[in-house]
Amino acid sequence: MKTAPSDAAAPLHDGGQSKLYQAEIRVLGMTCASCVSTVERRLKGMDGVTDAAVNLVMQKAVVTFVDTPSGPSAEDICEAIEDVGFDAELLACVKQTPPSASPTATQASVSK
């Protein structure tokens, strides 16, 4: 597994506090829709992964996951991709911020 430069550092487990992250991973070796399905199925089956989208043309996976001491890290996700037969390189991993519940957004969804 390759990792990107230090600016794309993967999250570290931090004493029981769960955080939502999104990892962008280059996936090499996929040649068809079956390959995409295999990778997506493996990622979505991991505890802590909340979403996974794999793009054949871009050769990338975007994975949203909760980083906890018992959950996956970005490295674990790359290893899972490699376990199903593809090369994986972590390109970026960023902390997701929860959407704010602004009054304007709430009003817009209520009004007709």
PDB file of N, CA and C in Angstrom:
ATOM      1  N   MET A   1       0.843  -1.176   0.000  1.00  0.00           N
ATOM      2  CA  MET A   1       0.000   0.000   0.000  1.00  0.00           C
ATOM      3  C   MET A   1       0.879   1.227   0.000  1.00  0.00           C
ATOM      4  N   LYS A   2       0.575   2.155  -0.865  1.00  0.00           N
ATOM      5  CA  LYS A   2       1.282   3.425  -0.903  1.00  0.00           C
ATOM      6  C   LYS A   2       0.452   4.465  -0.179  1.00  0.00           C
ATOM      7  N   THR A   3       1.123   5.422   0.425  1.00  0.00           N
ATOM      8  CA  THR A   3       0.396   6.524   1.027  1.00  0.00           C
ATOM      9  C   THR A   3       0.861   7.810   0.387  1.00  0.00           C
ATOM     10  N   ALA A   4      -0.014   8.769   0.387  1.00  0.00           N
ATOM     11  CA  ALA A   4       0.277  10.067  -0.209  1.00  0.00           C
ATOM     12  C   ALA A   4       1.191  10.872   0.712  1.00  0.00           C
ATOM     13  N   PRO A   5       1.669  12.000   0.255  1.00  0.00           N
ATOM     14  CA  PRO A   5       2.505  12.844   1.084  1.00  0.00           C
ATOM     15  C   PRO A   5       1.825  13.213   2.395  1.00  0.00           C
ATOM     16  N   SER A   6       2.584  13.761   3.326  1.00  0.00           N
ATOM     17  CA  SER A   6       2.104  14.010   4.676  1.00  0.00           C
ATOM     18  C   SER A   6       0.868  14.893   4.746  1.00  0.00           C
ATOM     19  N   ASP A   7       0.581  15.700   3.742  1.00  0.00           N
ATOM     20  CA  ASP A   7      -0.609  16.549   3.792  1.00  0.00           C
ATOM     21  C   ASP A   7      -1.900  15.744   3.689  1.00  0.00           C
ATOM     22  N   ALA A   8      -1.823  14.476   3.306  1.00  0.00           N
ATOM     23  CA  ALA A   8      -2.994  13.615   3.233  1.00  0.00           C
ATOM     24  C   ALA A   8      -2.952  12.576   4.344  1.00  0.00           C
ATOM     25  N   ALA A   9      -2.431  12.973   5.497  1.00  0.00           N
ATOM     26  CA  ALA A   9      -2.259  12.041   6.610  1.00  0.00           C
ATOM     27  C   ALA A   9      -3.584  11.418   7.012  1.00  0.00           C
ATOM     28  N   ALA A  10      -3.536  10.135   7.298  1.00  0.00           N
ATOM     29  CA  ALA A  10      -4.720   9.418   7.727  1.00  0.00           C
ATOM     30  C   ALA A  10      -5.007   9.731   9.183  1.00  0.00           C
ATOM     31  N   PRO A  11      -6.265   9.586   9.594  1.00  0.00           N
ATOM     32  CA  PRO A  11      -6.606   9.875  10.974  1.00  0.00           C
ATOM     33  C   PRO A  11      -5.949   8.891  11.928  1.00  0.00           C
ATOM     34  N   LEU A  12      -5.692   9.371  13.110  1.00  0.00           N
ATOM     35  CA  LEU A  12      -5.172   8.526  14.167  1.00  0.00           C
ATOM     36  C   LEU A  12      -6.290   8.281  15.160  1.00  0.00           C
ATOM     37  N   HIS A  13      -6.304   7.117  15.764  1.00  0.00           N
ATOM     38  CA  HIS A  13      -7.302   6.837  16.787  1.00  0.00           C
ATOM     39  C   HIS A  13      -7.018   7.734  17.976  1.00  0.00           C
ATOM     40  N   ASP A  14      -8.073   8.329  18.557  1.00  0.00           N
ATOM     41  CA  ASP A  14      -7.846   9.295  19.626  1.00  0.00           C
ATOM     42  C   ASP A  14      -8.743   9.082  20.839  1.00  0.00           C
ATOM     43  N   GLY A  15      -8.481   8.032  21.562  1.00  0.00           N
ATOM     44  CA  GLY A  15      -9.094   7.831  22.861  1.00  0.00           C
ATOM     45  C   GLY A  15     -10.608   7.742  22.897  1.00  0.00           C
ATOM     46  N   GLY A  16     -11.221   7.045  21.985  1.00  0.00           N
ATOM     47  CA  GLY A  16     -12.640   6.776  22.075  1.00  0.00           C
ATOM     48  C   GLY A  16     -13.543   7.791  21.391  1.00  0.00           C
ATOM     49  N   GLN A  17     -13.033   8.896  20.931  1.00  0.00           N
ATOM     50  CA  GLN A  17     -13.858   9.883  20.248  1.00  0.00           C
ATOM     51  C   GLN A  17     -13.982   9.476  18.782  1.00  0.00           C
ATOM     52  N   SER A  18     -15.214   9.315  18.321  1.00  0.00           N
ATOM     53  CA  SER A  18     -15.381   8.931  16.925  1.00  0.00           C
ATOM     54  C   SER A  18     -15.478  10.186  16.060  1.00  0.00           C
ATOM     55  N   LYS A  19     -14.880  10.095  14.889  1.00  0.00           N
ATOM     56  CA  LYS A  19     -14.881  11.201  13.940  1.00  0.00           C
ATOM     57  C   LYS A  19     -15.195  10.643  12.565  1.00  0.00           C
ATOM     58  N   LEU A  20     -15.874  11.439  11.771  1.00  0.00           N
ATOM     59  CA  LEU A  20     -16.225  11.034  10.423  1.00  0.00           C
ATOM     60  C   LEU A  20     -15.174  11.566   9.456  1.00  0.00           C
ATOM     61  N   TYR A  21     -14.624  10.674   8.641  1.00  0.00           N
ATOM     62  CA  TYR A  21     -13.597  11.030   7.667  1.00  0.00           C
ATOM     63  C   TYR A  21     -14.021  10.594   6.277  1.00  0.00           C
ATOM     64  N   GLN A  22     -13.436  11.256   5.283  1.00  0.00           N
ATOM     65  CA  GLN A  22     -13.615  10.830   3.904  1.00  0.00           C
ATOM     66  C   GLN A  22     -12.234  10.622   3.295  1.00  0.00           C
ATOM     67  N   ALA A  23     -12.016   9.414   2.808  1.00  0.00           N
ATOM     68  CA  ALA A  23     -10.739   9.069   2.194  1.00  0.00           C
ATOM     69  C   ALA A  23     -10.920   8.947   0.686  1.00  0.00           C
ATOM     70  N   GLU A  24      -9.962   9.498  -0.044  1.00  0.00           N
ATOM     71  CA  GLU A  24      -9.910   9.326  -1.495  1.00  0.00           C
ATOM     72  C   GLU A  24      -8.735   8.408  -1.778  1.00  0.00           C
ATOM     73  N   ILE A  25      -9.017   7.312  -2.454  1.00  0.00           N
ATOM     74  CA  ILE A  25      -8.020   6.263  -2.660  1.00  0.00           C
ATOM     75  C   ILE A  25      -7.921   5.928  -4.138  1.00  0.00           C
ATOM     76  N   ARG A  26      -6.708   5.905  -4.665  1.00  0.00           N
ATOM     77  CA  ARG A  26      -6.498   5.446  -6.042  1.00  0.00           C
ATOM     78  C   ARG A  26      -6.533   3.924  -6.010  1.00  0.00           C
ATOM     79  N   VAL A  27      -7.315   3.348  -6.902  1.00  0.00           N
ATOM     80  CA  VAL A  27      -7.446   1.892  -6.987  1.00  0.00           C
ATOM     81  C   VAL A  27      -6.983   1.473  -8.376  1.00  0.00           C
ATOM     82  N   LEU A  28      -5.890   0.765  -8.429  1.00  0.00           N
ATOM     83  CA  LEU A  28      -5.319   0.350  -9.712  1.00  0.00           C
ATOM     84  C   LEU A  28      -5.579  -1.126  -9.966  1.00  0.00           C
ATOM     85  N   GLY A  29      -5.825  -1.452 -11.227  1.00  0.00           N
ATOM     86  CA  GLY A  29      -6.018  -2.838 -11.627  1.00  0.00           C
ATOM     87  C   GLY A  29      -7.457  -3.190 -11.964  1.00  0.00           C
ATOM     88  N   MET A  30      -8.390  -2.266 -11.750  1.00  0.00           N
ATOM     89  CA  MET A  30      -9.787  -2.536 -12.098  1.00  0.00           C
ATOM     90  C   MET A  30      -9.954  -2.420 -13.612  1.00  0.00           C
ATOM     91  N   THR A  31     -10.680  -3.378 -14.188  1.00  0.00           N
ATOM     92  CA  THR A  31     -10.870  -3.367 -15.634  1.00  0.00           C
ATOM     93  C   THR A  31     -12.329  -3.419 -16.070  1.00  0.00           C
ATOM     94  N   CYS A  32     -13.244  -3.654 -15.122  1.00  0.00           N
ATOM     95  CA  CYS A  32     -14.645  -3.810 -15.513  1.00  0.00           C
ATOM     96  C   CYS A  32     -15.574  -3.509 -14.341  1.00  0.00           C
ATOM     97  N   ALA A  33     -16.868  -3.541 -14.629  1.00  0.00           N
ATOM     98  CA  ALA A  33     -17.872  -3.258 -13.604  1.00  0.00           C
ATOM     99  C   ALA A  33     -17.838  -4.294 -12.477  1.00  0.00           C
ATOM    100  N   SER A  34     -17.466  -5.509 -12.794  1.00  0.00           N
ATOM    101  CA  SER A  34     -17.360  -6.541 -11.767  1.00  0.00           C
ATOM    102  C   SER A  34     -16.264  -6.196 -10.756  1.00  0.00           C
ATOM    103  N   CYS A  35     -15.173  -5.626 -11.232  1.00  0.00           N
ATOM    104  CA  CYS A  35     -14.090  -5.187 -10.345  1.00  0.00           C
ATOM    105  C   CYS A  35     -14.597  -4.102  -9.397  1.00  0.00           C
ATOM    106  N   VAL A  36     -15.322  -3.135  -9.954  1.00  0.00           N
ATOM    107  CA  VAL A  36     -15.888  -2.048  -9.156  1.00  0.00           C
ATOM    108  C   VAL A  36     -16.811  -2.624  -8.094  1.00  0.00           C
ATOM    109  N   SER A  37     -17.672  -3.543  -8.493  1.00  0.00           N
ATOM    110  CA  SER A  37     -18.621  -4.153  -7.570  1.00  0.00           C
ATOM    111  C   SER A  37     -17.898  -4.899  -6.445  1.00  0.00           C
ATOM    112  N   THR A  38     -16.828  -5.599  -6.775  1.00  0.00           N
ATOM    113  CA  THR A  38     -16.059  -6.335  -5.777  1.00  0.00           C
ATOM    114  C   THR A  38     -15.470  -5.393  -4.734  1.00  0.00           C
ATOM    115  N   VAL A  39     -14.880  -4.300  -5.196  1.00  0.00           N
ATOM    116  CA  VAL A  39     -14.270  -3.328  -4.280  1.00  0.00           C
ATOM    117  C   VAL A  39     -15.347  -2.666  -3.422  1.00  0.00           C
ATOM    118  N   GLU A  40     -16.430  -2.207  -4.047  1.00  0.00           N
ATOM    119  CA  GLU A  40     -17.503  -1.551  -3.295  1.00  0.00           C
ATOM    120  C   GLU A  40     -18.105  -2.483  -2.249  1.00  0.00           C
ATOM    121  N   ARG A  41     -18.346  -3.723  -2.631  1.00  0.00           N
ATOM    122  CA  ARG A  41     -18.938  -4.686  -1.703  1.00  0.00           C
ATOM    123  C   ARG A  41     -18.025  -4.908  -0.497  1.00  0.00           C
ATOM    124  N   ARG A  42     -16.722  -5.010  -0.756  1.00  0.00           N
ATOM    125  CA  ARG A  42     -15.763  -5.212   0.342  1.00  0.00           C
ATOM    126  C   ARG A  42     -15.734  -4.001   1.267  1.00  0.00           C
ATOM    127  N   LEU A  43     -15.713  -2.802   0.690  1.00  0.00           N
ATOM    128  CA  LEU A  43     -15.652  -1.589   1.506  1.00  0.00           C
ATOM    129  C   LEU A  43     -16.935  -1.389   2.304  1.00  0.00           C
ATOM    130  N   LYS A  44     -18.073  -1.558   1.669  1.00  0.00           N
ATOM    131  CA  LYS A  44     -19.348  -1.351   2.355  1.00  0.00           C
ATOM    132  C   LYS A  44     -19.599  -2.399   3.433  1.00  0.00           C
ATOM    133  N   GLY A  45     -18.909  -3.518   3.359  1.00  0.00           N
ATOM    134  CA  GLY A  45     -19.035  -4.573   4.366  1.00  0.00           C
ATOM    135  C   GLY A  45     -18.165  -4.360   5.590  1.00  0.00           C
ATOM    136  N   MET A  46     -17.332  -3.326   5.565  1.00  0.00           N
ATOM    137  CA  MET A  46     -16.444  -3.060   6.697  1.00  0.00           C
ATOM    138  C   MET A  46     -17.196  -2.313   7.799  1.00  0.00           C
ATOM    139  N   ASP A  47     -17.006  -2.743   9.044  1.00  0.00           N
ATOM    140  CA  ASP A  47     -17.569  -2.015  10.170  1.00  0.00           C
ATOM    141  C   ASP A  47     -16.994  -0.617  10.192  1.00  0.00           C
ATOM    142  N   GLY A  48     -17.843   0.369  10.376  1.00  0.00           N
ATOM    143  CA  GLY A  48     -17.397   1.754  10.449  1.00  0.00           C
ATOM    144  C   GLY A  48     -17.469   2.503   9.138  1.00  0.00           C
ATOM    145  N   VAL A  49     -17.587   1.799   8.016  1.00  0.00           N
ATOM    146  CA  VAL A  49     -17.717   2.468   6.716  1.00  0.00           C
ATOM    147  C   VAL A  49     -19.181   2.842   6.530  1.00  0.00           C
ATOM    148  N   THR A  50     -19.439   4.138   6.311  1.00  0.00           N
ATOM    149  CA  THR A  50     -20.809   4.608   6.138  1.00  0.00           C
ATOM    150  C   THR A  50     -21.189   4.756   4.671  1.00  0.00           C
ATOM    151  N   ASP A  51     -20.200   4.907   3.786  1.00  0.00           N
ATOM    152  CA  ASP A  51     -20.476   5.012   2.357  1.00  0.00           C
ATOM    153  C   ASP A  51     -19.202   4.716   1.582  1.00  0.00           C
ATOM    154  N   ALA A  52     -19.365   4.164   0.404  1.00  0.00           N
ATOM    155  CA  ALA A  52     -18.230   3.897  -0.485  1.00  0.00           C
ATOM    156  C   ALA A  52     -18.705   3.994  -1.922  1.00  0.00           C
ATOM    157  N   ALA A  53     -17.962   4.747  -2.730  1.00  0.00           N
ATOM    158  CA  ALA A  53     -18.265   4.877  -4.156  1.00  0.00           C
ATOM    159  C   ALA A  53     -16.969   4.660  -4.925  1.00  0.00           C
ATOM    160  N   VAL A  54     -17.013   3.750  -5.881  1.00  0.00           N
ATOM    161  CA  VAL A  54     -15.835   3.412  -6.671  1.00  0.00           C
ATOM    162  C   VAL A  54     -16.097   3.792  -8.117  1.00  0.00           C
ATOM    163  N   ASN A  55     -15.130   4.465  -8.742  1.00  0.00           N
ATOM    164  CA  ASN A  55     -15.269   4.923 -10.124  1.00  0.00           C
ATOM    165  C   ASN A  55     -14.219   4.232 -10.980  1.00  0.00           C
ATOM    166  N   LEU A  56     -14.679   3.438 -11.941  1.00  0.00           N
ATOM    167  CA  LEU A  56     -13.782   2.681 -12.816  1.00  0.00           C
ATOM    168  C   LEU A  56     -12.928   3.597 -13.684  1.00  0.00           C
ATOM    169  N   VAL A  57     -13.547   4.583 -14.312  1.00  0.00           N
ATOM    170  CA  VAL A  57     -12.828   5.463 -15.233  1.00  0.00           C
ATOM    171  C   VAL A  57     -11.761   6.275 -14.510  1.00  0.00           C
ATOM    172  N   MET A  58     -12.104   6.812 -13.346  1.00  0.00           N
ATOM    173  CA  MET A  58     -11.159   7.626 -12.577  1.00  0.00           C
ATOM    174  C   MET A  58     -10.194   6.773 -11.762  1.00  0.00           C
ATOM    175  N   GLN A  59     -10.485   5.453 -11.659  1.00  0.00           N
ATOM    176  CA  GLN A  59      -9.655   4.538 -10.874  1.00  0.00           C
ATOM    177  C   GLN A  59      -9.528   5.010  -9.416  1.00  0.00           C
ATOM    178  N   LYS A  60     -10.669   5.433  -8.839  1.00  0.00           N
ATOM    179  CA  LYS A  60     -10.664   5.969  -7.481  1.00  0.00           C
ATOM    180  C   LYS A  60     -11.835   5.437  -6.676  1.00  0.00           C
ATOM    181  N   ALA A  61     -11.631   5.416  -5.371  1.00  0.00           N
ATOM    182  CA  ALA A  61     -12.702   5.123  -4.427  1.00  0.00           C
ATOM    183  C   ALA A  61     -12.776   6.288  -3.454  1.00  0.00           C
ATOM    184  N   VAL A  62     -13.996   6.684  -3.126  1.00  0.00           N
ATOM    185  CA  VAL A  62     -14.222   7.691  -2.097  1.00  0.00           C
ATOM    186  C   VAL A  62     -14.989   6.972  -0.990  1.00  0.00           C
ATOM    187  N   VAL A  63     -14.383   6.938   0.197  1.00  0.00           N
ATOM    188  CA  VAL A  63     -14.931   6.162   1.302  1.00  0.00           C
ATOM    189  C   VAL A  63     -15.152   7.071   2.504  1.00  0.00           C
ATOM    190  N   THR A  64     -16.363   7.066   3.027  1.00  0.00           N
ATOM    191  CA  THR A  64     -16.680   7.804   4.244  1.00  0.00           C
ATOM    192  C   THR A  64     -16.735   6.788   5.378  1.00  0.00           C
ATOM    193  N   PHE A  65     -16.023   7.095   6.468  1.00  0.00           N
ATOM    194  CA  PHE A  65     -15.948   6.143   7.565  1.00  0.00           C
ATOM    195  C   PHE A  65     -15.808   6.852   8.898  1.00  0.00           C
ATOM    196  N   VAL A  66     -16.179   6.128   9.954  1.00  0.00           N
ATOM    197  CA  VAL A  66     -16.044   6.624  11.310  1.00  0.00           C
ATOM    198  C   VAL A  66     -14.753   6.044  11.875  1.00  0.00           C
ATOM    199  N   ASP A  67     -13.866   6.925  12.305  1.00  0.00           N
ATOM    200  CA  ASP A  67     -12.594   6.489  12.860  1.00  0.00           C
ATOM    201  C   ASP A  67     -12.724   6.402  14.376  1.00  0.00           C
ATOM    202  N   THR A  68     -12.688   5.201  14.892  1.00  0.00           N
ATOM    203  CA  THR A  68     -12.726   4.950  16.326  1.00  0.00           C
ATOM    204  C   THR A  68     -11.659   3.914  16.650  1.00  0.00           C
ATOM    205  N   PRO A  69     -11.351   3.723  17.931  1.00  0.00           N
ATOM    206  CA  PRO A  69     -10.355   2.701  18.270  1.00  0.00           C
ATOM    207  C   PRO A  69     -10.723   1.315  17.754  1.00  0.00           C
ATOM    208  N   SER A  70     -12.015   1.009  17.650  1.00  0.00           N
ATOM    209  CA  SER A  70     -12.416  -0.312  17.163  1.00  0.00           C
ATOM    210  C   SER A  70     -12.774  -0.305  15.675  1.00  0.00           C
ATOM    211  N   GLY A  71     -12.792   0.868  15.046  1.00  0.00           N
ATOM    212  CA  GLY A  71     -13.183   0.967  13.647  1.00  0.00           C
ATOM    213  C   GLY A  71     -11.983   1.023  12.722  1.00  0.00           C
ATOM    214  N   PRO A  72     -12.247   1.172  11.432  1.00  0.00           N
ATOM    215  CA  PRO A  72     -11.151   1.163  10.462  1.00  0.00           C
ATOM    216  C   PRO A  72     -10.413   2.494  10.416  1.00  0.00           C
ATOM    217  N   SER A  73      -9.174   2.425   9.981  1.00  0.00           N
ATOM    218  CA  SER A  73      -8.409   3.632   9.651  1.00  0.00           C
ATOM    219  C   SER A  73      -8.315   3.676   8.132  1.00  0.00           C
ATOM    220  N   ALA A  74      -7.777   4.750   7.596  1.00  0.00           N
ATOM    221  CA  ALA A  74      -7.606   4.838   6.145  1.00  0.00           C
ATOM    222  C   ALA A  74      -6.680   3.720   5.656  1.00  0.00           C
ATOM    223  N   GLU A  75      -5.676   3.395   6.454  1.00  0.00           N
ATOM    224  CA  GLU A  75      -4.766   2.306   6.075  1.00  0.00           C
ATOM    225  C   GLU A  75      -5.493   0.971   6.022  1.00  0.00           C
ATOM    226  N   ASP A  76      -6.406   0.744   6.986  1.00  0.00           N
ATOM    227  CA  ASP A  76      -7.195  -0.495   6.985  1.00  0.00           C
ATOM    228  C   ASP A  76      -8.034  -0.598   5.715  1.00  0.00           C
ATOM    229  N   ILE A  77      -8.577   0.521   5.281  1.00  0.00           N
ATOM    230  CA  ILE A  77      -9.407   0.538   4.078  1.00  0.00           C
ATOM    231  C   ILE A  77      -8.567   0.213   2.847  1.00  0.00           C
ATOM    232  N   CYS A  78      -7.367   0.784   2.765  1.00  0.00           N
ATOM    233  CA  CYS A  78      -6.464   0.462   1.654  1.00  0.00           C
ATOM    234  C   CYS A  78      -6.096  -1.020   1.672  1.00  0.00           C
ATOM    235  N   GLU A  79      -5.837  -1.558   2.853  1.00  0.00           N
ATOM    236  CA  GLU A  79      -5.502  -2.982   2.960  1.00  0.00           C
ATOM    237  C   GLU A  79      -6.664  -3.864   2.504  1.00  0.00           C
ATOM    238  N   ALA A  80      -7.893  -3.450   2.813  1.00  0.00           N
ATOM    239  CA  ALA A  80      -9.066  -4.220   2.391  1.00  0.00           C
ATOM    240  C   ALA A  80      -9.160  -4.265   0.865  1.00  0.00           C
ATOM    241  N   ILE A  81      -8.847  -3.149   0.221  1.00  0.00           N
ATOM    242  CA  ILE A  81      -8.848  -3.112  -1.250  1.00  0.00           C
ATOM    243  C   ILE A  81      -7.778  -4.054  -1.794  1.00  0.00           C
ATOM    244  N   GLU A  82      -6.617  -4.023  -1.177  1.00  0.00           N
ATOM    245  CA  GLU A  82      -5.538  -4.913  -1.614  1.00  0.00           C
ATOM    246  C   GLU A  82      -5.885  -6.379  -1.372  1.00  0.00           C
ATOM    247  N   ASP A  83      -6.638  -6.661  -0.309  1.00  0.00           N
ATOM    248  CA  ASP A  83      -7.042  -8.037  -0.005  1.00  0.00           C
ATOM    249  C   ASP A  83      -7.930  -8.642  -1.091  1.00  0.00           C
ATOM    250  N   VAL A  84      -8.656  -7.792  -1.846  1.00  0.00           N
ATOM    251  CA  VAL A  84      -9.489  -8.322  -2.936  1.00  0.00           C
ATOM    252  C   VAL A  84      -8.772  -8.252  -4.285  1.00  0.00           C
ATOM    253  N   GLY A  85      -7.472  -7.929  -4.270  1.00  0.00           N
ATOM    254  CA  GLY A  85      -6.672  -8.081  -5.480  1.00  0.00           C
ATOM    255  C   GLY A  85      -6.308  -6.834  -6.255  1.00  0.00           C
ATOM    256  N   PHE A  86      -6.469  -5.660  -5.665  1.00  0.00           N
ATOM    257  CA  PHE A  86      -6.150  -4.423  -6.377  1.00  0.00           C
ATOM    258  C   PHE A  86      -5.119  -3.617  -5.601  1.00  0.00           C
ATOM    259  N   ASP A  87      -4.389  -2.778  -6.297  1.00  0.00           N
ATOM    260  CA  ASP A  87      -3.441  -1.891  -5.638  1.00  0.00           C
ATOM    261  C   ASP A  87      -4.198  -0.666  -5.134  1.00  0.00           C
ATOM    262  N   ALA A  88      -3.806  -0.184  -3.955  1.00  0.00           N
ATOM    263  CA  ALA A  88      -4.482   0.969  -3.367  1.00  0.00           C
ATOM    264  C   ALA A  88      -3.451   1.984  -2.890  1.00  0.00           C
ATOM    265  N   GLU A  89      -3.746   3.252  -3.174  1.00  0.00           N
ATOM    266  CA  GLU A  89      -2.882   4.349  -2.745  1.00  0.00           C
ATOM    267  C   GLU A  89      -3.753   5.442  -2.136  1.00  0.00           C
ATOM    268  N   LEU A  90      -3.510   5.764  -0.881  1.00  0.00           N
ATOM    269  CA  LEU A  90      -4.262   6.816  -0.215  1.00  0.00           C
ATOM    270  C   LEU A  90      -3.844   8.162  -0.788  1.00  0.00           C
ATOM    271  N   LEU A  91      -4.816   8.881  -1.366  1.00  0.00           N
ATOM    272  CA  LEU A  91      -4.548  10.192  -1.958  1.00  0.00           C
ATOM    273  C   LEU A  91      -4.825  11.317  -0.972  1.00  0.00           C
ATOM    274  N   ALA A  92      -5.912  11.184  -0.221  1.00  0.00           N
ATOM    275  CA  ALA A  92      -6.289  12.218   0.739  1.00  0.00           C
ATOM    276  C   ALA A  92      -7.213  11.612   1.776  1.00  0.00           C
ATOM    277  N   CYS A  93      -7.185  12.188   2.961  1.00  0.00           N
ATOM    278  CA  CYS A  93      -8.100  11.786   4.010  1.00  0.00           C
ATOM    279  C   CYS A  93      -8.408  13.031   4.831  1.00  0.00           C
ATOM    280  N   VAL A  94      -9.672  13.441   4.802  1.00  0.00           N
ATOM    281  CA  VAL A  94     -10.058  14.675   5.480  1.00  0.00           C
ATOM    282  C   VAL A  94     -11.208  14.418   6.445  1.00  0.00           C
ATOM    283  N   LYS A  95     -11.199  15.171   7.531  1.00  0.00           N
ATOM    284  CA  LYS A  95     -12.267  15.076   8.513  1.00  0.00           C
ATOM    285  C   LYS A  95     -13.506  15.756   7.947  1.00  0.00           C
ATOM    286  N   GLN A  96     -14.637  15.087   8.068  1.00  0.00           N
ATOM    287  CA  GLN A  96     -15.899  15.645   7.611  1.00  0.00           C
ATOM    288  C   GLN A  96     -16.523  16.454   8.741  1.00  0.00           C
ATOM    289  N   THR A  97     -17.087  17.583   8.404  1.00  0.00           N
ATOM    290  CA  THR A  97     -17.795  18.366   9.400  1.00  0.00           C
ATOM    291  C   THR A  97     -19.276  18.089   9.245  1.00  0.00           C
ATOM    292  N   PRO A  98     -19.968  17.876  10.370  1.00  0.00           N
ATOM    293  CA  PRO A  98     -21.401  17.601  10.252  1.00  0.00           C
ATOM    294  C   PRO A  98     -22.135  18.821   9.709  1.00  0.00           C
ATOM    295  N   PRO A  99     -23.178  18.617   8.942  1.00  0.00           N
ATOM    296  CA  PRO A  99     -23.917  19.760   8.398  1.00  0.00           C
ATOM    297  C   PRO A  99     -24.542  20.556   9.534  1.00  0.00           C
ATOM    298  N   SER A 100     -24.445  21.866   9.450  1.00  0.00           N
ATOM    299  CA  SER A 100     -25.037  22.706  10.492  1.00  0.00           C
ATOM    300  C   SER A 100     -26.519  22.863  10.232  1.00  0.00           C
ATOM    301  N   ALA A 101     -27.238  22.963  11.290  1.00  0.00           N
ATOM    302  CA  ALA A 101     -28.692  23.135  11.159  1.00  0.00           C
ATOM    303  C   ALA A 101     -28.993  24.623  11.208  1.00  0.00           C
ATOM    304  N   SER A 102     -28.752  25.285  10.105  1.00  0.00           N
ATOM    305  CA  SER A 102     -29.003  26.720  10.055  1.00  0.00           C
ATOM    306  C   SER A 102     -30.493  26.985   9.925  1.00  0.00           C
ATOM    307  N   PRO A 103     -30.991  28.086  10.525  1.00  0.00           N
ATOM    308  CA  PRO A 103     -32.425  28.398  10.428  1.00  0.00           C
ATOM    309  C   PRO A 103     -32.882  28.563   8.988  1.00  0.00           C
ATOM    310  N   THR A 104     -32.036  29.119   8.126  1.00  0.00           N
ATOM    311  CA  THR A 104     -32.405  29.315   6.724  1.00  0.00           C
ATOM    312  C   THR A 104     -32.639  27.989   6.029  1.00  0.00           C
ATOM    313  N   ALA A 105     -31.741  27.034   6.280  1.00  0.00           N
ATOM    314  CA  ALA A 105     -31.888  25.713   5.659  1.00  0.00           C
ATOM    315  C   ALA A 105     -33.162  25.033   6.152  1.00  0.00           C
ATOM    316  N   THR A 106     -33.467  25.179   7.441  1.00  0.00           N
ATOM    317  CA  THR A 106     -34.656  24.570   7.988  1.00  0.00           C
ATOM    318  C   THR A 106     -35.899  25.203   7.376  1.00  0.00           C
ATOM    319  N   GLN A 107     -35.913  26.532   7.251  1.00  0.00           N
ATOM    320  CA  GLN A 107     -37.065  27.205   6.663  1.00  0.00           C
ATOM    321  C   GLN A 107     -37.261  26.801   5.208  1.00  0.00           C
ATOM    322  N   ALA A 108     -36.195  26.699   4.474  1.00  0.00           N
ATOM    323  CA  ALA A 108     -36.296  26.372   3.054  1.00  0.00           C
ATOM    324  C   ALA A 108     -36.907  25.006   2.854  1.00  0.00           C
ATOM    325  N   SER A 109     -36.599  24.049   3.735  1.00  0.00           N
ATOM    326  CA  SER A 109     -37.130  22.720   3.559  1.00  0.00           C
ATOM    327  C   SER A 109     -38.585  22.622   3.999  1.00  0.00           C
ATOM    328  N   VAL A 110     -39.036  23.558   4.855  1.00  0.00           N
ATOM    329  CA  VAL A 110     -40.405  23.529   5.357  1.00  0.00           C
ATOM    330  C   VAL A 110     -41.353  24.293   4.439  1.00  0.00           C
ATOM    331  N   SER A 111     -40.884  25.428   3.919  1.00  0.00           N
ATOM    332  CA  SER A 111     -41.763  26.249   3.092  1.00  0.00           C
ATOM    333  C   SER A 111     -42.026  25.610   1.743  1.00  0.00           C
ATOM    334  N   LYS A 112     -43.169  25.966   1.159  1.00  0.00           N
ATOM    335  CA  LYS A 112     -43.560  25.354  -0.116  1.00  0.00           C
ATOM    336  C   LYS A 112     -43.398  26.302  -1.242  1.00  0.00           C
TER     337      LYS A 112
END
